Amino acid sequence: MKKTTKSALVTLGACVVLALAASPATADTTTSVVSGGSLTEATSGATLSGVTLDGSNSQTATGTASSEWSITDARGTGAPWTLSVSATEFTSDGGTVETAPRTIPASALTITPGSMTGAPGSDSASNIDASPLAVSTAAQALVSAAGSDKGTYTLTPSFSLAVPANAYRSNYSGEIGASALNPYTSTLTYTIG
């Protein structure tokens, strides 16, 4: 009886193996379309420290961006990108008595982007150039990625304004000698592409 049971089990096992081998394999396909996003930047201005003219030395007004900047390349192409900046001249608007605006050239401003930090999952920031830049009224590259720098990067730039020894003080906004002065102001324009 044992011999018959063993034979039946071997025969049954062989039939199962043959049945599995004879069954056609099935394959399923799973798909997903991945679309590229945008190349964007979020920047902020800065309030620089005040300076006091001494008549012989240039003074330096300094400050940092009022909030952290971010650059996001979600295009998914690995193409190079550049964040450019241009600035207007620094101008102290005329007041009610001192009516002529006073200026300091845009080139007196230097922006130092600082270190770039990649968000989790971003490419390394090692290919990104973020060197200090003396600003101009014409657009210039401030931060550049030579290629394959996808993801989001953050930085907190510092600003430095070299105030010449022969600069005019800020204009009074009202009567001369009042406490309110019109600060020197510049408009910085950032573009990314």
Protein backbone atom coordinates (compact mmCIF):
# COMPACT_ATOMS: atom_id res chain seq x y z
CA MET A 1 0.00 0.00 0.00
CA LYS A 2 2.83 2.31 0.74
CA LYS A 3 4.32 1.70 -2.66
CA THR A 4 1.10 2.69 -4.41
CA THR A 5 0.74 5.90 -2.38
CA LYS A 6 4.30 6.95 -3.16
CA SER A 7 3.75 6.29 -6.87
CA ALA A 8 0.52 8.23 -6.84
CA LEU A 9 2.19 11.19 -5.11
CA VAL A 10 5.11 11.19 -7.54
CA THR A 11 2.71 11.01 -10.47
CA LEU A 12 0.55 13.81 -9.02
CA GLY A 13 3.64 15.98 -8.40
CA ALA A 14 4.85 15.41 -11.96
CA CYS A 15 1.41 16.41 -13.31
CA VAL A 16 1.44 19.65 -11.29
CA VAL A 17 4.95 20.52 -12.55
CA LEU A 18 3.88 19.77 -16.16
CA ALA A 19 0.70 21.80 -15.72
CA LEU A 20 2.68 24.80 -14.38
CA ALA A 21 5.24 24.50 -17.15
CA ALA A 22 2.49 24.36 -19.74
CA SER A 23 0.69 27.44 -18.34
CA PRO A 24 1.57 30.59 -20.27
CA ALA A 25 3.37 33.31 -18.25
CA THR A 26 1.49 36.55 -17.82
CA ALA A 27 2.99 40.03 -17.81
CA ASP A 28 1.41 43.26 -16.64
CA THR A 29 2.57 46.76 -17.54
CA THR A 30 2.54 49.66 -15.12
CA THR A 31 3.13 53.16 -16.50
CA SER A 32 3.53 56.67 -15.18
CA VAL A 33 4.09 59.94 -17.02
CA VAL A 34 6.51 62.29 -15.25
CA SER A 35 6.06 65.94 -16.29
CA GLY A 36 8.59 68.68 -15.72
CA GLY A 37 7.79 71.57 -13.41
CA SER A 38 9.16 75.12 -13.35
CA LEU A 39 12.41 76.95 -12.74
CA THR A 40 11.68 79.50 -9.99
CA GLU A 41 13.37 81.75 -7.47
CA ALA A 42 12.23 83.47 -4.28
CA THR A 43 14.38 86.41 -3.16
CA SER A 44 14.16 89.19 -0.61
CA GLY A 45 15.78 92.58 -0.04
CA ALA A 46 17.89 93.75 2.86
CA THR A 47 18.09 96.69 5.23
CA LEU A 48 21.73 97.71 5.52
CA SER A 49 23.37 99.23 8.55
CA GLY A 50 23.70 103.01 8.71
CA VAL A 51 27.10 104.67 8.34
CA THR A 52 28.59 108.00 9.47
CA LEU A 53 30.78 109.87 7.03
CA ASP A 54 34.19 110.90 8.38
CA GLY A 55 35.42 112.82 5.34
CA SER A 56 38.45 110.66 4.60
CA ASN A 57 37.53 106.98 4.50
CA SER A 58 34.87 105.05 2.67
CA GLN A 59 32.37 103.43 5.00
CA THR A 60 30.65 100.09 4.57
CA ALA A 61 26.95 99.49 5.16
CA THR A 62 26.21 95.77 5.59
CA GLY A 63 23.26 93.46 6.05
CA THR A 64 21.79 90.09 5.14
CA ALA A 65 18.70 89.16 3.16
CA SER A 66 15.55 89.71 5.18
CA SER A 67 14.56 86.08 4.56
CA GLU A 68 16.13 82.94 3.16
CA TRP A 69 16.21 82.71 -0.64
CA SER A 70 15.30 79.60 -2.61
CA ILE A 71 15.98 78.45 -6.15
CA THR A 72 13.98 75.51 -7.48
CA ASP A 73 14.72 73.65 -10.70
CA ALA A 74 11.83 71.22 -11.11
CA ARG A 75 12.06 71.07 -14.92
CA GLY A 76 13.58 67.59 -14.84
CA THR A 77 15.90 68.33 -17.77
CA GLY A 78 19.27 68.88 -16.11
CA ALA A 79 19.72 72.00 -18.27
CA PRO A 80 21.92 74.83 -16.96
CA TRP A 81 20.30 77.79 -15.20
CA THR A 82 21.34 81.27 -14.02
CA LEU A 83 19.93 83.69 -11.45
CA SER A 84 20.81 87.21 -12.67
CA VAL A 85 20.60 90.54 -10.87
CA SER A 86 20.60 94.20 -11.85
CA ALA A 87 20.15 97.29 -9.66
CA THR A 88 19.22 100.93 -9.92
CA GLU A 89 21.51 103.58 -8.47
CA PHE A 90 21.09 104.10 -4.72
CA THR A 91 19.06 107.30 -4.35
CA SER A 92 18.15 109.45 -1.36
CA ASP A 93 14.97 111.19 -2.53
CA GLY A 94 14.69 114.93 -2.17
CA GLY A 95 12.65 116.25 0.70
CA THR A 96 10.62 119.44 1.12
CA VAL A 97 13.72 121.67 1.55
CA GLU A 98 16.52 119.54 0.08
CA THR A 99 14.79 118.79 -3.19
CA ALA A 100 17.64 117.35 -5.32
CA PRO A 101 17.97 113.55 -5.08
CA ARG A 102 21.41 112.23 -4.11
CA THR A 103 22.92 109.04 -5.53
CA ILE A 104 25.52 106.32 -4.93
CA PRO A 105 26.33 104.09 -7.93
CA ALA A 106 24.84 100.59 -8.09
CA SER A 107 28.38 99.23 -8.51
CA ALA A 108 29.10 100.16 -4.87
CA LEU A 109 26.92 97.19 -3.83
CA THR A 110 28.39 93.70 -3.52
CA ILE A 111 26.18 90.65 -2.98
CA THR A 112 27.74 87.50 -1.52
CA PRO A 113 25.31 84.61 -2.10
CA GLY A 114 26.86 82.41 0.59
CA SER A 115 26.64 78.65 0.81
CA MET A 116 23.99 76.72 -1.10
CA THR A 117 22.06 74.02 0.74
CA GLY A 118 20.18 71.39 -1.24
CA ALA A 119 16.83 70.14 0.04
CA PRO A 120 16.52 66.38 0.60
CA GLY A 121 16.47 64.58 -2.76
CA SER A 122 18.13 67.47 -4.64
CA ASP A 123 21.30 67.07 -6.66
CA SER A 124 24.55 68.14 -5.01
CA ALA A 125 25.15 71.89 -5.12
CA SER A 126 28.82 71.28 -6.03
CA ASN A 127 28.31 72.46 -9.64
CA ILE A 128 26.69 75.75 -8.62
CA ASP A 129 28.78 78.95 -8.81
CA ALA A 130 27.72 81.49 -6.18
CA SER A 131 30.64 83.92 -6.00
CA PRO A 132 30.47 87.50 -4.64
CA LEU A 133 29.33 89.99 -7.27
CA ALA A 134 29.68 93.77 -7.60
CA VAL A 135 26.24 94.69 -8.90
CA SER A 136 25.62 96.74 -12.04
CA THR A 137 22.68 98.47 -13.70
CA ALA A 138 22.93 95.73 -16.36
CA ALA A 139 21.89 92.15 -15.53
CA GLN A 140 24.76 89.88 -14.44
CA ALA A 141 24.93 86.26 -13.30
CA LEU A 142 24.78 86.01 -9.49
CA VAL A 143 24.20 82.23 -9.11
CA SER A 144 24.79 79.74 -11.96
CA ALA A 145 24.40 75.99 -12.37
CA ALA A 146 26.45 74.49 -15.20
CA GLY A 147 24.12 71.50 -15.49
CA SER A 148 22.30 68.70 -13.72
CA ASP A 149 21.50 70.65 -10.58
CA LYS A 150 17.87 69.69 -10.12
CA GLY A 151 15.90 70.27 -6.96
CA THR A 152 15.56 73.07 -4.44
CA TYR A 153 18.45 75.05 -3.00
CA THR A 154 18.43 77.64 -0.22
CA LEU A 155 20.86 80.44 0.63
CA THR A 156 20.99 83.61 2.74
CA PRO A 157 23.02 86.26 0.90
CA SER A 158 24.87 89.13 2.54
CA PHE A 159 25.02 92.66 1.12
CA SER A 160 27.80 95.23 1.40
CA LEU A 161 27.53 98.85 0.21
CA ALA A 162 30.80 100.82 -0.08
CA VAL A 163 29.83 104.44 0.72
CA PRO A 164 32.50 106.76 -0.72
CA ALA A 165 34.17 109.31 1.55
CA ASN A 166 32.81 112.09 -0.66
CA ALA A 167 29.20 110.85 -0.65
CA TYR A 168 26.38 113.17 0.31
CA ARG A 169 24.54 112.36 3.51
CA SER A 170 20.89 111.30 3.15
CA ASN A 171 18.43 114.08 2.40
CA TYR A 172 16.18 115.28 5.18
CA SER A 173 12.61 114.35 4.41
CA GLY A 174 11.28 117.57 5.98
CA GLU A 175 13.03 120.60 7.41
CA ILE A 176 16.81 120.53 7.70
CA GLY A 177 17.97 119.23 11.07
CA ALA A 178 14.82 117.13 11.61
CA SER A 179 15.33 113.52 12.65
CA ALA A 180 13.72 111.94 9.56
CA LEU A 181 16.13 111.21 6.71
CA ASN A 182 15.35 109.67 3.31
CA PRO A 183 17.47 106.52 3.13
CA TYR A 184 19.48 105.64 0.06
CA THR A 185 17.40 103.03 -1.77
CA SER A 186 18.05 100.78 -4.77
CA THR A 187 15.68 98.45 -6.58
CA LEU A 188 17.23 95.07 -7.36
CA THR A 189 15.70 92.97 -10.13
CA TYR A 190 16.27 89.21 -10.22
CA THR A 191 15.59 86.97 -13.22
CA ILE A 192 16.13 83.24 -13.59
CA GLY A 193 16.50 81.32 -16.79
